[in-house]
């Protein structure tokens, strides 16, 4: 949800930018935590 909020707001301001969401997250996060942004179907990650 937080990624979607940020991505939607970014595209309002910068509609052409390529976004590469991180699946690295922060040290100690689980794999499933880290994979959440892929559920938004970004063009890259």
ModelCIF file with pLDDT and N, C-alpha, C, O atoms, coordinates in Angstrom:
data_MODEL
#
_entry.id   MODEL 
#
_entity.id                         1 
_entity.type                       polymer 
_entity.pdbx_number_of_molecules   1 
#
_entity_poly.entity_id                      1 
_entity_poly.type                           'polypeptide(L)' 
_entity_poly.nstd_linkage                   no 
_entity_poly.nstd_monomer                   no 
_entity_poly.pdbx_seq_one_letter_code       
;(UNK)(UNK)(UNK)(UNK)(UNK)(UNK)(UNK)(UNK)(UNK)(UNK)(UNK)(UNK)(UNK)(UNK)(UNK)(UNK)
(UNK)(UNK)(UNK)(UNK)(UNK)(UNK)(UNK)(UNK)(UNK)(UNK)(UNK)(UNK)(UNK)(UNK)(UNK)(UNK)
(UNK)(UNK)(UNK)(UNK)(UNK)(UNK)(UNK)(UNK)(UNK)(UNK)(UNK)(UNK)(UNK)
;
_entity_poly.pdbx_seq_one_letter_code_can   XXXXXXXXXXXXXXXXXXXXXXXXXXXXXXXXXXXXXXXXXXXXX 
_entity_poly.pdbx_strand_id                 A 
#
loop_
_entity_poly_seq.entity_id 
_entity_poly_seq.num 
_entity_poly_seq.mon_id 
_entity_poly_seq.hetero 
1 1  UNK n 
1 2  UNK n 
1 3  UNK n 
1 4  UNK n 
1 5  UNK n 
1 6  UNK n 
1 7  UNK n 
1 8  UNK n 
1 9  UNK n 
1 10 UNK n 
1 11 UNK n 
1 12 UNK n 
1 13 UNK n 
1 14 UNK n 
1 15 UNK n 
1 16 UNK n 
1 17 UNK n 
1 18 UNK n 
1 19 UNK n 
1 20 UNK n 
1 21 UNK n 
1 22 UNK n 
1 23 UNK n 
1 24 UNK n 
1 25 UNK n 
1 26 UNK n 
1 27 UNK n 
1 28 UNK n 
1 29 UNK n 
1 30 UNK n 
1 31 UNK n 
1 32 UNK n 
1 33 UNK n 
1 34 UNK n 
1 35 UNK n 
1 36 UNK n 
1 37 UNK n 
1 38 UNK n 
1 39 UNK n 
1 40 UNK n 
1 41 UNK n 
1 42 UNK n 
1 43 UNK n 
1 44 UNK n 
1 45 UNK n 
#
_struct_asym.id          A 
_struct_asym.entity_id   1 
#
loop_
_ma_qa_metric.id 
_ma_qa_metric.mode 
_ma_qa_metric.name 
_ma_qa_metric.software_group_id 
_ma_qa_metric.type 
1 global pLDDT . pLDDT 
2 local  pLDDT . pLDDT 
#
_ma_qa_metric_global.metric_id      1 
_ma_qa_metric_global.metric_value   96.87 
_ma_qa_metric_global.model_id       1 
_ma_qa_metric_global.ordinal_id     1 
#
loop_
_ma_qa_metric_local.label_asym_id 
_ma_qa_metric_local.label_comp_id 
_ma_qa_metric_local.label_seq_id 
_ma_qa_metric_local.metric_id 
_ma_qa_metric_local.metric_value 
_ma_qa_metric_local.model_id 
_ma_qa_metric_local.ordinal_id 
A UNK 1  2 98.00 1 1  
A UNK 2  2 98.00 1 2  
A UNK 3  2 98.00 1 3  
A UNK 4  2 98.00 1 4  
A UNK 5  2 98.00 1 5  
A UNK 6  2 98.00 1 6  
A UNK 7  2 98.00 1 7  
A UNK 8  2 98.00 1 8  
A UNK 9  2 98.00 1 9  
A UNK 10 2 98.00 1 10 
A UNK 11 2 98.00 1 11 
A UNK 12 2 97.00 1 12 
A UNK 13 2 98.00 1 13 
A UNK 14 2 98.00 1 14 
A UNK 15 2 97.00 1 15 
A UNK 16 2 96.00 1 16 
A UNK 17 2 98.00 1 17 
A UNK 18 2 98.00 1 18 
A UNK 19 2 98.00 1 19 
A UNK 20 2 98.00 1 20 
A UNK 21 2 98.00 1 21 
A UNK 22 2 98.00 1 22 
A UNK 23 2 98.00 1 23 
A UNK 24 2 96.00 1 24 
A UNK 25 2 93.00 1 25 
A UNK 26 2 92.00 1 26 
A UNK 27 2 90.00 1 27 
A UNK 28 2 90.00 1 28 
A UNK 29 2 95.00 1 29 
A UNK 30 2 95.00 1 30 
A UNK 31 2 96.00 1 31 
A UNK 32 2 96.00 1 32 
A UNK 33 2 96.00 1 33 
A UNK 34 2 97.00 1 34 
A UNK 35 2 98.00 1 35 
A UNK 36 2 98.00 1 36 
A UNK 37 2 98.00 1 37 
A UNK 38 2 98.00 1 38 
A UNK 39 2 97.00 1 39 
A UNK 40 2 98.00 1 40 
A UNK 41 2 97.00 1 41 
A UNK 42 2 97.00 1 42 
A UNK 43 2 96.00 1 43 
A UNK 44 2 98.00 1 44 
A UNK 45 2 98.00 1 45 
#
loop_
_atom_site.group_PDB 
_atom_site.id 
_atom_site.type_symbol 
_atom_site.label_atom_id 
_atom_site.label_alt_id 
_atom_site.label_comp_id 
_atom_site.label_asym_id 
_atom_site.label_entity_id 
_atom_site.label_seq_id 
_atom_site.pdbx_PDB_ins_code 
_atom_site.Cartn_x 
_atom_site.Cartn_y 
_atom_site.Cartn_z 
_atom_site.occupancy 
_atom_site.B_iso_or_equiv 
_atom_site.pdbx_formal_charge 
_atom_site.auth_seq_id 
_atom_site.auth_comp_id 
_atom_site.auth_asym_id 
_atom_site.auth_atom_id 
_atom_site.pdbx_PDB_model_num 
ATOM 1   N N  . UNK A 1 1  ? 0.828  -1.206  0.000   1.00 98.00 ? 1  UNK A N  1 
ATOM 2   C CA . UNK A 1 1  ? 0.000  0.000   0.000   1.00 98.00 ? 1  UNK A CA 1 
ATOM 3   C C  . UNK A 1 1  ? 0.862  1.256   0.000   1.00 98.00 ? 1  UNK A C  1 
ATOM 4   O O  . UNK A 1 1  ? 0.552  2.225   -0.693  1.00 98.00 ? 1  UNK A O  1 
ATOM 5   N N  . UNK A 1 2  ? 1.942  1.241   0.774   1.00 98.00 ? 2  UNK A N  1 
ATOM 6   C CA . UNK A 1 2  ? 2.818  2.419   0.820   1.00 98.00 ? 2  UNK A CA 1 
ATOM 7   C C  . UNK A 1 2  ? 3.528  2.620   -0.516  1.00 98.00 ? 2  UNK A C  1 
ATOM 8   O O  . UNK A 1 2  ? 3.665  3.748   -0.989  1.00 98.00 ? 2  UNK A O  1 
ATOM 9   N N  . UNK A 1 3  ? 3.980  1.514   -1.124  1.00 98.00 ? 3  UNK A N  1 
ATOM 10  C CA . UNK A 1 3  ? 4.597  1.629   -2.439  1.00 98.00 ? 3  UNK A CA 1 
ATOM 11  C C  . UNK A 1 3  ? 3.612  2.201   -3.450  1.00 98.00 ? 3  UNK A C  1 
ATOM 12  O O  . UNK A 1 3  ? 3.964  3.079   -4.237  1.00 98.00 ? 3  UNK A O  1 
ATOM 13  N N  . UNK A 1 4  ? 2.379  1.703   -3.428  1.00 98.00 ? 4  UNK A N  1 
ATOM 14  C CA . UNK A 1 4  ? 1.387  2.192   -4.395  1.00 98.00 ? 4  UNK A CA 1 
ATOM 15  C C  . UNK A 1 4  ? 1.120  3.673   -4.200  1.00 98.00 ? 4  UNK A C  1 
ATOM 16  O O  . UNK A 1 4  ? 1.015  4.426   -5.168  1.00 98.00 ? 4  UNK A O  1 
ATOM 17  N N  . UNK A 1 5  ? 1.010  4.088   -2.949  1.00 98.00 ? 5  UNK A N  1 
ATOM 18  C CA . UNK A 1 5  ? 0.769  5.498   -2.663  1.00 98.00 ? 5  UNK A CA 1 
ATOM 19  C C  . UNK A 1 5  ? 1.887  6.362   -3.232  1.00 98.00 ? 5  UNK A C  1 
ATOM 20  O O  . UNK A 1 5  ? 1.631  7.396   -3.849  1.00 98.00 ? 5  UNK A O  1 
ATOM 21  N N  . UNK A 1 6  ? 3.129  5.930   -3.021  1.00 98.00 ? 6  UNK A N  1 
ATOM 22  C CA . UNK A 1 6  ? 4.277  6.703   -3.505  1.00 98.00 ? 6  UNK A CA 1 
ATOM 23  C C  . UNK A 1 6  ? 4.370  6.667   -5.028  1.00 98.00 ? 6  UNK A C  1 
ATOM 24  O O  . UNK A 1 6  ? 4.625  7.692   -5.659  1.00 98.00 ? 6  UNK A O  1 
ATOM 25  N N  . UNK A 1 7  ? 4.163  5.488   -5.619  1.00 98.00 ? 7  UNK A N  1 
ATOM 26  C CA . UNK A 1 7  ? 4.266  5.361   -7.074  1.00 98.00 ? 7  UNK A CA 1 
ATOM 27  C C  . UNK A 1 7  ? 3.197  6.208   -7.767  1.00 98.00 ? 7  UNK A C  1 
ATOM 28  O O  . UNK A 1 7  ? 3.492  6.909   -8.735  1.00 98.00 ? 7  UNK A O  1 
ATOM 29  N N  . UNK A 1 8  ? 1.970  6.147   -7.277  1.00 98.00 ? 8  UNK A N  1 
ATOM 30  C CA . UNK A 1 8  ? 0.895  6.940   -7.882  1.00 98.00 ? 8  UNK A CA 1 
ATOM 31  C C  . UNK A 1 8  ? 1.209  8.432   -7.799  1.00 98.00 ? 8  UNK A C  1 
ATOM 32  O O  . UNK A 1 8  ? 0.983  9.170   -8.758  1.00 98.00 ? 8  UNK A O  1 
ATOM 33  N N  . UNK A 1 9  ? 1.730  8.877   -6.652  1.00 98.00 ? 9  UNK A N  1 
ATOM 34  C CA . UNK A 1 9  ? 2.052  10.294  -6.475  1.00 98.00 ? 9  UNK A CA 1 
ATOM 35  C C  . UNK A 1 9  ? 3.223  10.704  -7.365  1.00 98.00 ? 9  UNK A C  1 
ATOM 36  O O  . UNK A 1 9  ? 3.239  11.808  -7.909  1.00 98.00 ? 9  UNK A O  1 
ATOM 37  N N  . UNK A 1 10 ? 4.201  9.811   -7.512  1.00 98.00 ? 10 UNK A N  1 
ATOM 38  C CA . UNK A 1 10 ? 5.349  10.111  -8.376  1.00 98.00 ? 10 UNK A CA 1 
ATOM 39  C C  . UNK A 1 10 ? 4.902  10.271  -9.822  1.00 98.00 ? 10 UNK A C  1 
ATOM 40  O O  . UNK A 1 10 ? 5.335  11.200  -10.504 1.00 98.00 ? 10 UNK A O  1 
ATOM 41  N N  . UNK A 1 11 ? 4.038  9.372   -10.298 1.00 98.00 ? 11 UNK A N  1 
ATOM 42  C CA . UNK A 1 11 ? 3.609  9.459   -11.691 1.00 98.00 ? 11 UNK A CA 1 
ATOM 43  C C  . UNK A 1 11 ? 2.755  10.702  -11.960 1.00 98.00 ? 11 UNK A C  1 
ATOM 44  O O  . UNK A 1 11 ? 2.699  11.187  -13.090 1.00 98.00 ? 11 UNK A O  1 
ATOM 45  N N  . UNK A 1 12 ? 2.099  11.209  -10.931 1.00 97.00 ? 12 UNK A N  1 
ATOM 46  C CA . UNK A 1 12 ? 1.384  12.479  -11.099 1.00 97.00 ? 12 UNK A CA 1 
ATOM 47  C C  . UNK A 1 12 ? 2.359  13.612  -11.382 1.00 97.00 ? 12 UNK A C  1 
ATOM 48  O O  . UNK A 1 12 ? 2.073  14.493  -12.193 1.00 97.00 ? 12 UNK A O  1 
ATOM 49  N N  . UNK A 1 13 ? 3.505  13.592  -10.718 1.00 98.00 ? 13 UNK A N  1 
ATOM 50  C CA . UNK A 1 13 ? 4.494  14.661  -10.865 1.00 98.00 ? 13 UNK A CA 1 
ATOM 51  C C  . UNK A 1 13 ? 5.469  14.407  -12.010 1.00 98.00 ? 13 UNK A C  1 
ATOM 52  O O  . UNK A 1 13 ? 5.929  15.347  -12.658 1.00 98.00 ? 13 UNK A O  1 
ATOM 53  N N  . UNK A 1 14 ? 5.786  13.124  -12.261 1.00 98.00 ? 14 UNK A N  1 
ATOM 54  C CA . UNK A 1 14 ? 6.802  12.763  -13.258 1.00 98.00 ? 14 UNK A CA 1 
ATOM 55  C C  . UNK A 1 14 ? 6.262  11.589  -14.084 1.00 98.00 ? 14 UNK A C  1 
ATOM 56  O O  . UNK A 1 14 ? 6.667  10.448  -13.860 1.00 98.00 ? 14 UNK A O  1 
ATOM 57  N N  . UNK A 1 15 ? 5.360  11.847  -15.028 1.00 97.00 ? 15 UNK A N  1 
ATOM 58  C CA . UNK A 1 15 ? 4.639  10.758  -15.691 1.00 97.00 ? 15 UNK A CA 1 
ATOM 59  C C  . UNK A 1 15 ? 5.498  9.848   -16.567 1.00 97.00 ? 15 UNK A C  1 
ATOM 60  O O  . UNK A 1 15 ? 5.078  8.734   -16.879 1.00 97.00 ? 15 UNK A O  1 
ATOM 61  N N  . UNK A 1 16 ? 6.677  10.286  -16.966 1.00 96.00 ? 16 UNK A N  1 
ATOM 62  C CA . UNK A 1 16 ? 7.489  9.490   -17.887 1.00 96.00 ? 16 UNK A CA 1 
ATOM 63  C C  . UNK A 1 16 ? 8.616  8.723   -17.206 1.00 96.00 ? 16 UNK A C  1 
ATOM 64  O O  . UNK A 1 16 ? 9.252  7.882   -17.841 1.00 96.00 ? 16 UNK A O  1 
ATOM 65  N N  . UNK A 1 17 ? 8.877  8.990   -15.938 1.00 98.00 ? 17 UNK A N  1 
ATOM 66  C CA . UNK A 1 17 ? 10.029 8.394   -15.262 1.00 98.00 ? 17 UNK A CA 1 
ATOM 67  C C  . UNK A 1 17 ? 9.911  6.871   -15.218 1.00 98.00 ? 17 UNK A C  1 
ATOM 68  O O  . UNK A 1 17 ? 8.813  6.326   -15.099 1.00 98.00 ? 17 UNK A O  1 
ATOM 69  N N  . UNK A 1 18 ? 11.062 6.190   -15.315 1.00 98.00 ? 18 UNK A N  1 
ATOM 70  C CA . UNK A 1 18 ? 11.132 4.743   -15.102 1.00 98.00 ? 18 UNK A CA 1 
ATOM 71  C C  . UNK A 1 18 ? 11.363 4.523   -13.611 1.00 98.00 ? 18 UNK A C  1 
ATOM 72  O O  . UNK A 1 18 ? 12.310 5.060   -13.037 1.00 98.00 ? 18 UNK A O  1 
ATOM 73  N N  . UNK A 1 19 ? 10.497 3.734   -12.991 1.00 98.00 ? 19 UNK A N  1 
ATOM 74  C CA . UNK A 1 19 ? 10.652 3.416   -11.571 1.00 98.00 ? 19 UNK A CA 1 
ATOM 75  C C  . UNK A 1 19 ? 11.151 1.991   -11.417 1.00 98.00 ? 19 UNK A C  1 
ATOM 76  O O  . UNK A 1 19 ? 10.639 1.068   -12.050 1.00 98.00 ? 19 UNK A O  1 
ATOM 77  N N  . UNK A 1 20 ? 12.155 1.823   -10.568 1.00 98.00 ? 20 UNK A N  1 
ATOM 78  C CA . UNK A 1 20 ? 12.669 0.494   -10.232 1.00 98.00 ? 20 UNK A CA 1 
ATOM 79  C C  . UNK A 1 20 ? 12.491 0.297   -8.724  1.00 98.00 ? 20 UNK A C  1 
ATOM 80  O O  . UNK A 1 20 ? 13.384 0.638   -7.949  1.00 98.00 ? 20 UNK A O  1 
ATOM 81  N N  . UNK A 1 21 ? 11.346 -0.251  -8.304  1.00 98.00 ? 21 UNK A N  1 
ATOM 82  C CA . UNK A 1 21 ? 11.162 -0.521  -6.878  1.00 98.00 ? 21 UNK A CA 1 
ATOM 83  C C  . UNK A 1 21 ? 12.188 -1.531  -6.377  1.00 98.00 ? 21 UNK A C  1 
ATOM 84  O O  . UNK A 1 21 ? 12.584 -2.445  -7.101  1.00 98.00 ? 21 UNK A O  1 
ATOM 85  N N  . UNK A 1 22 ? 12.604 -1.357  -5.152  1.00 98.00 ? 22 UNK A N  1 
ATOM 86  C CA . UNK A 1 22 ? 13.548 -2.282  -4.528  1.00 98.00 ? 22 UNK A CA 1 
ATOM 87  C C  . UNK A 1 22 ? 12.835 -3.524  -4.024  1.00 98.00 ? 22 UNK A C  1 
ATOM 88  O O  . UNK A 1 22 ? 11.768 -3.433  -3.418  1.00 98.00 ? 22 UNK A O  1 
ATOM 89  N N  . UNK A 1 23 ? 13.432 -4.695  -4.279  1.00 98.00 ? 23 UNK A N  1 
ATOM 90  C CA . UNK A 1 23 ? 13.013 -5.897  -3.567  1.00 98.00 ? 23 UNK A CA 1 
ATOM 91  C C  . UNK A 1 23 ? 14.073 -6.297  -2.548  1.00 98.00 ? 23 UNK A C  1 
ATOM 92  O O  . UNK A 1 23 ? 14.028 -7.388  -1.979  1.00 98.00 ? 23 UNK A O  1 
ATOM 93  N N  . UNK A 1 24 ? 15.034 -5.391  -2.326  1.00 96.00 ? 24 UNK A N  1 
ATOM 94  C CA . UNK A 1 24 ? 16.039 -5.622  -1.285  1.00 96.00 ? 24 UNK A CA 1 
ATOM 95  C C  . UNK A 1 24 ? 15.512 -5.248  0.083   1.00 96.00 ? 24 UNK A C  1 
ATOM 96  O O  . UNK A 1 24 ? 15.851 -5.871  1.090   1.00 96.00 ? 24 UNK A O  1 
ATOM 97  N N  . UNK A 1 25 ? 14.664 -4.204  0.108   1.00 93.00 ? 25 UNK A N  1 
ATOM 98  C CA . UNK A 1 25 ? 14.114 -3.756  1.388   1.00 93.00 ? 25 UNK A CA 1 
ATOM 99  C C  . UNK A 1 25 ? 15.199 -3.346  2.344   1.00 93.00 ? 25 UNK A C  1 
ATOM 100 O O  . UNK A 1 25 ? 16.123 -2.623  1.974   1.00 93.00 ? 25 UNK A O  1 
ATOM 101 N N  . UNK A 1 26 ? 15.093 -3.801  3.568   1.00 92.00 ? 26 UNK A N  1 
ATOM 102 C CA . UNK A 1 26 ? 16.084 -3.535  4.602   1.00 92.00 ? 26 UNK A CA 1 
ATOM 103 C C  . UNK A 1 26 ? 16.591 -4.860  5.156   1.00 92.00 ? 26 UNK A C  1 
ATOM 104 O O  . UNK A 1 26 ? 15.881 -5.866  5.127   1.00 92.00 ? 26 UNK A O  1 
ATOM 105 N N  . UNK A 1 27 ? 17.813 -4.858  5.657   1.00 90.00 ? 27 UNK A N  1 
ATOM 106 C CA . UNK A 1 27 ? 18.412 -6.071  6.224   1.00 90.00 ? 27 UNK A CA 1 
ATOM 107 C C  . UNK A 1 27 ? 17.485 -6.649  7.289   1.00 90.00 ? 27 UNK A C  1 
ATOM 108 O O  . UNK A 1 27 ? 17.014 -5.925  8.166   1.00 90.00 ? 27 UNK A O  1 
ATOM 109 N N  . UNK A 1 28 ? 17.225 -7.952  7.213   1.00 90.00 ? 28 UNK A N  1 
ATOM 110 C CA . UNK A 1 28 ? 16.389 -8.622  8.200   1.00 90.00 ? 28 UNK A CA 1 
ATOM 111 C C  . UNK A 1 28 ? 14.963 -8.865  7.761   1.00 90.00 ? 28 UNK A C  1 
ATOM 112 O O  . UNK A 1 28 ? 14.238 -9.615  8.414   1.00 90.00 ? 28 UNK A O  1 
ATOM 113 N N  . UNK A 1 29 ? 14.535 -8.235  6.644   1.00 95.00 ? 29 UNK A N  1 
ATOM 114 C CA . UNK A 1 29 ? 13.175 -8.474  6.157   1.00 95.00 ? 29 UNK A CA 1 
ATOM 115 C C  . UNK A 1 29 ? 13.085 -9.851  5.513   1.00 95.00 ? 29 UNK A C  1 
ATOM 116 O O  . UNK A 1 29 ? 14.066 -10.355 4.968   1.00 95.00 ? 29 UNK A O  1 
ATOM 117 N N  . UNK A 1 30 ? 11.898 -10.456 5.577   1.00 95.00 ? 30 UNK A N  1 
ATOM 118 C CA . UNK A 1 30 ? 11.690 -11.753 4.946   1.00 95.00 ? 30 UNK A CA 1 
ATOM 119 C C  . UNK A 1 30 ? 11.542 -11.590 3.436   1.00 95.00 ? 30 UNK A C  1 
ATOM 120 O O  . UNK A 1 30 ? 11.319 -10.488 2.935   1.00 95.00 ? 30 UNK A O  1 
ATOM 121 N N  . UNK A 1 31 ? 11.671 -12.704 2.725   1.00 96.00 ? 31 UNK A N  1 
ATOM 122 C CA . UNK A 1 31 ? 11.524 -12.672 1.273   1.00 96.00 ? 31 UNK A CA 1 
ATOM 123 C C  . UNK A 1 31 ? 10.129 -12.193 0.881   1.00 96.00 ? 31 UNK A C  1 
ATOM 124 O O  . UNK A 1 31 ? 9.992  -11.387 -0.040  1.00 96.00 ? 31 UNK A O  1 
ATOM 125 N N  . UNK A 1 32 ? 9.101  -12.674 1.559   1.00 96.00 ? 32 UNK A N  1 
ATOM 126 C CA . UNK A 1 32 ? 7.740  -12.271 1.204   1.00 96.00 ? 32 UNK A CA 1 
ATOM 127 C C  . UNK A 1 32 ? 7.512  -10.786 1.460   1.00 96.00 ? 32 UNK A C  1 
ATOM 128 O O  . UNK A 1 32 ? 6.829  -10.116 0.686   1.00 96.00 ? 32 UNK A O  1 
ATOM 129 N N  . UNK A 1 33 ? 8.086  -10.273 2.552   1.00 96.00 ? 33 UNK A N  1 
ATOM 130 C CA . UNK A 1 33 ? 8.020  -8.823  2.769   1.00 96.00 ? 33 UNK A CA 1 
ATOM 131 C C  . UNK A 1 33 ? 8.638  -8.083  1.598   1.00 96.00 ? 33 UNK A C  1 
ATOM 132 O O  . UNK A 1 33 ? 8.052  -7.144  1.057   1.00 96.00 ? 33 UNK A O  1 
ATOM 133 N N  . UNK A 1 34 ? 9.805  -8.510  1.222   1.00 97.00 ? 34 UNK A N  1 
ATOM 134 C CA . UNK A 1 34 ? 10.569 -7.814  0.196   1.00 97.00 ? 34 UNK A CA 1 
ATOM 135 C C  . UNK A 1 34 ? 9.897  -7.872  -1.172  1.00 97.00 ? 34 UNK A C  1 
ATOM 136 O O  . UNK A 1 34 ? 10.057 -6.954  -1.976  1.00 97.00 ? 34 UNK A O  1 
ATOM 137 N N  . UNK A 1 35 ? 9.151  -8.932  -1.445  1.00 98.00 ? 35 UNK A N  1 
ATOM 138 C CA . UNK A 1 35 ? 8.540  -9.119  -2.760  1.00 98.00 ? 35 UNK A CA 1 
ATOM 139 C C  . UNK A 1 35 ? 7.249  -8.318  -2.955  1.00 98.00 ? 35 UNK A C  1 
ATOM 140 O O  . UNK A 1 35 ? 6.717  -8.290  -4.065  1.00 98.00 ? 35 UNK A O  1 
ATOM 141 N N  . UNK A 1 36 ? 6.736  -7.671  -1.913  1.00 98.00 ? 36 UNK A N  1 
ATOM 142 C CA . UNK A 1 36 ? 5.440  -7.004  -2.029  1.00 98.00 ? 36 UNK A CA 1 
ATOM 143 C C  . UNK A 1 36 ? 5.334  -6.022  -3.201  1.00 98.00 ? 36 UNK A C  1 
ATOM 144 O O  . UNK A 1 36 ? 4.289  -5.986  -3.852  1.00 98.00 ? 36 UNK A O  1 
ATOM 145 N N  . UNK A 1 37 ? 6.370  -5.222  -3.500  1.00 98.00 ? 37 UNK A N  1 
ATOM 146 C CA . UNK A 1 37 ? 6.212  -4.295  -4.626  1.00 98.00 ? 37 UNK A CA 1 
ATOM 147 C C  . UNK A 1 37 ? 5.979  -4.977  -5.968  1.00 98.00 ? 37 UNK A C  1 
ATOM 148 O O  . UNK A 1 37 ? 5.422  -4.359  -6.875  1.00 98.00 ? 37 UNK A O  1 
ATOM 149 N N  . UNK A 1 38 ? 6.394  -6.246  -6.120  1.00 98.00 ? 38 UNK A N  1 
ATOM 150 C CA . UNK A 1 38 ? 6.170  -6.939  -7.391  1.00 98.00 ? 38 UNK A CA 1 
ATOM 151 C C  . UNK A 1 38 ? 4.690  -7.207  -7.639  1.00 98.00 ? 38 UNK A C  1 
ATOM 152 O O  . UNK A 1 38 ? 4.285  -7.472  -8.770  1.00 98.00 ? 38 UNK A O  1 
ATOM 153 N N  . UNK A 1 39 ? 3.882  -7.137  -6.578  1.00 97.00 ? 39 UNK A N  1 
ATOM 154 C CA . UNK A 1 39 ? 2.445  -7.344  -6.732  1.00 97.00 ? 39 UNK A CA 1 
ATOM 155 C C  . UNK A 1 39 ? 1.770  -6.156  -7.425  1.00 97.00 ? 39 UNK A C  1 
ATOM 156 O O  . UNK A 1 39 ? 0.600  -6.230  -7.799  1.00 97.00 ? 39 UNK A O  1 
ATOM 157 N N  . UNK A 1 40 ? 2.521  -5.058  -7.594  1.00 98.00 ? 40 UNK A N  1 
ATOM 158 C CA . UNK A 1 40 ? 2.010  -3.882  -8.301  1.00 98.00 ? 40 UNK A CA 1 
ATOM 159 C C  . UNK A 1 40 ? 2.373  -3.907  -9.782  1.00 98.00 ? 40 UNK A C  1 
ATOM 160 O O  . UNK A 1 40 ? 2.041  -2.978  -10.518 1.00 98.00 ? 40 UNK A O  1 
ATOM 161 N N  . UNK A 1 41 ? 3.056  -4.966  -10.222 1.00 97.00 ? 41 UNK A N  1 
ATOM 162 C CA . UNK A 1 41 ? 3.435  -5.154  -11.624 1.00 97.00 ? 41 UNK A CA 1 
ATOM 163 C C  . UNK A 1 41 ? 4.239  -3.972  -12.190 1.00 97.00 ? 41 UNK A C  1 
ATOM 164 O O  . UNK A 1 41 ? 3.877  -3.429  -13.234 1.00 97.00 ? 41 UNK A O  1 
ATOM 165 N N  . UNK A 1 42 ? 5.323  -3.570  -11.515 1.00 97.00 ? 42 UNK A N  1 
ATOM 166 C CA . UNK A 1 42 ? 6.167  -2.519  -12.076 1.00 97.00 ? 42 UNK A CA 1 
ATOM 167 C C  . UNK A 1 42 ? 6.874  -3.014  -13.336 1.00 97.00 ? 42 UNK A C  1 
ATOM 168 O O  . UNK A 1 42 ? 7.017  -4.220  -13.538 1.00 97.00 ? 42 UNK A O  1 
ATOM 169 N N  . UNK A 1 43 ? 7.318  -2.081  -14.186 1.00 96.00 ? 43 UNK A N  1 
ATOM 170 C CA . UNK A 1 43 ? 8.018  -2.511  -15.399 1.00 96.00 ? 43 UNK A CA 1 
ATOM 171 C C  . UNK A 1 43 ? 9.395  -3.084  -15.081 1.00 96.00 ? 43 UNK A C  1 
ATOM 172 O O  . UNK A 1 43 ? 9.894  -3.938  -15.814 1.00 96.00 ? 43 UNK A O  1 
ATOM 173 N N  . UNK A 1 44 ? 10.011 -2.624  -13.997 1.00 98.00 ? 44 UNK A N  1 
ATOM 174 C CA . UNK A 1 44 ? 11.293 -3.145  -13.544 1.00 98.00 ? 44 UNK A CA 1 
ATOM 175 C C  . UNK A 1 44 ? 11.275 -3.277  -12.028 1.00 98.00 ? 44 UNK A C  1 
ATOM 176 O O  . UNK A 1 44 ? 10.436 -2.677  -11.356 1.00 98.00 ? 44 UNK A O  1 
ATOM 177 N N  . UNK A 1 45 ? 12.194 -4.056  -11.498 1.00 98.00 ? 45 UNK A N  1 
ATOM 178 C CA . UNK A 1 45 ? 12.433 -4.150  -10.051 1.00 98.00 ? 45 UNK A CA 1 
ATOM 179 C C  . UNK A 1 45 ? 13.837 -4.708  -9.859  1.00 98.00 ? 45 UNK A C  1 
ATOM 180 O O  . UNK A 1 45 ? 14.282 -4.883  -8.725  1.00 98.00 ? 45 UNK A O  1 
#
